[in-house]
Structures are given as C-alpha cells and as structure tokens.
Amino acid sequence: MILSLPQAVQDAEDVVSGLQIFEDHIPEDLELHLSVRDLVTLSQRLRSLNSEVALRSDQRLNGDVYLLLSSLQHTLRRVRDMFGETRHVIE
C-alpha cells in the first residue's frame, strides 16, 4: 500500500532522525550531510504539496503524486533496512 502524503512526511522525518545519528559519527561525510538536507527539504515540500493536493482533484497531479510516493516509500524502506544492517554491525 502506498503512503499518504502525511504518512510520507512523517516517515521522511523519522528517517532523517536516524540519519542524523550517522552524521554525528561521520562528520566529514559531505554526501551524507547533503542527503539528510535533501530529505529535510523534501519532507517540507511534501507538507506544502499535501495542502495543494487537498485543494485539487486533478488526475494527472494525483498520478504524479502516486509515482513520487511510491519511489519515496521504496527509498525510505531501503534506508530503514540499512539501519537494521548497521545495528548488527555496531553491536
């Protein structure tokens, strides 16, 4: 099942919180910092998109949002999987 926009925002923010733990341990990793910043920006834009989509019922827009959320859900799942794999390495 594809996430709703509010769920996607919450999931993105949860993943950002997890990635920030990595940032604390790898302060010199510029790519990680940029990825976290991009994900924060994405979650902010999803919040505003949620308001916009609520005001419209454009089928093309809804299709694009569905595609975006499908991709985001896949990406966030992979990051969470990485968290699980890393936890076993650290322990």
Protein backbone atom coordinates (compact mmCIF):
# COMPACT_ATOMS: atom_id res chain seq x y z
CA MET A 1 0.00 0.00 0.00
CA ILE A 2 1.31 3.43 -0.93
CA LEU A 3 1.77 6.00 1.80
CA SER A 4 -0.47 9.02 2.10
CA LEU A 5 1.24 12.41 1.94
CA PRO A 6 1.05 12.96 5.74
CA GLN A 7 2.47 9.45 6.32
CA ALA A 8 5.26 10.14 3.82
CA VAL A 9 6.18 13.35 5.65
CA GLN A 10 6.31 11.53 8.98
CA ASP A 11 8.32 8.64 7.55
CA ALA A 12 10.80 11.01 5.91
CA GLU A 13 11.22 12.89 9.19
CA ASP A 14 11.75 9.62 11.06
CA VAL A 15 14.44 8.57 8.58
CA VAL A 16 16.09 12.00 8.91
CA SER A 17 16.28 11.45 12.67
CA GLY A 18 18.01 8.12 12.10
CA LEU A 19 20.41 9.56 9.55
CA GLN A 20 21.35 12.37 11.92
CA ILE A 21 22.78 9.74 14.27
CA PHE A 22 25.10 8.68 11.44
CA GLU A 23 26.01 12.32 10.82
CA ASP A 24 27.21 12.62 14.42
CA HIS A 25 29.58 9.68 13.92
CA ILE A 26 30.76 10.58 10.42
CA PRO A 27 31.07 14.39 10.47
CA GLU A 28 33.34 14.52 7.42
CA ASP A 29 30.91 12.69 5.07
CA LEU A 30 29.64 15.53 2.86
CA GLU A 31 27.41 13.24 0.79
CA LEU A 32 25.58 12.07 3.91
CA HIS A 33 25.05 15.66 5.07
CA LEU A 34 23.69 16.64 1.66
CA SER A 35 21.37 13.63 1.61
CA VAL A 36 19.97 14.48 5.02
CA ARG A 37 19.48 18.11 3.99
CA ASP A 38 17.73 17.00 0.79
CA LEU A 39 15.42 14.69 2.73
CA VAL A 40 14.53 17.51 5.15
CA THR A 41 13.74 19.76 2.19
CA LEU A 42 11.68 17.00 0.59
CA SER A 43 9.60 16.48 3.72
CA GLN A 44 8.93 20.24 3.92
CA ARG A 45 7.83 20.29 0.29
CA LEU A 46 5.63 17.26 0.82
CA ARG A 47 3.87 19.17 3.60
CA SER A 48 3.09 22.03 1.24
CA LEU A 49 2.14 19.59 -1.54
CA ASN A 50 -0.32 17.97 0.84
CA SER A 51 -2.13 21.29 1.16
CA GLU A 52 -2.08 21.80 -2.60
CA VAL A 53 -3.36 18.32 -3.43
CA ALA A 54 -6.17 18.68 -0.89
CA LEU A 55 -7.43 21.70 -2.86
CA ARG A 56 -7.36 19.96 -6.27
CA SER A 57 -8.67 16.80 -7.81
CA ASP A 58 -6.51 16.79 -10.94
CA GLN A 59 -5.99 13.18 -12.03
CA ARG A 60 -2.62 13.93 -13.65
CA LEU A 61 -1.39 15.53 -10.43
CA ASN A 62 -2.66 12.59 -8.41
CA GLY A 63 -0.82 10.18 -10.74
CA ASP A 64 2.41 12.15 -10.31
CA VAL A 65 1.97 12.21 -6.54
CA TYR A 66 1.37 8.45 -6.55
CA LEU A 67 4.59 7.91 -8.51
CA LEU A 68 6.51 10.21 -6.15
CA LEU A 69 5.18 8.46 -3.05
CA SER A 70 5.91 5.00 -4.50
CA SER A 71 9.52 5.98 -5.14
CA LEU A 72 9.91 7.67 -1.76
CA GLN A 73 8.44 4.69 0.05
CA HIS A 74 10.92 2.37 -1.67
CA THR A 75 13.85 4.67 -0.82
CA LEU A 76 12.84 5.08 2.83
CA ARG A 77 12.41 1.31 3.17
CA ARG A 78 15.96 0.77 1.86
CA VAL A 79 17.33 3.31 4.34
CA ARG A 80 15.49 1.58 7.20
CA ASP A 81 16.92 -1.75 6.05
CA MET A 82 20.37 -0.15 6.16
CA PHE A 83 19.67 0.97 9.74
CA GLY A 84 18.90 -2.64 10.68
CA GLU A 85 22.04 -3.97 9.00
CA THR A 86 24.19 -1.31 10.63
CA ARG A 87 22.76 -2.00 14.08
CA HIS A 88 24.04 -5.58 13.83
CA VAL A 89 27.50 -4.38 12.81
CA ILE A 90 27.72 -1.85 15.66
CA GLU A 91 26.50 -4.22 18.39
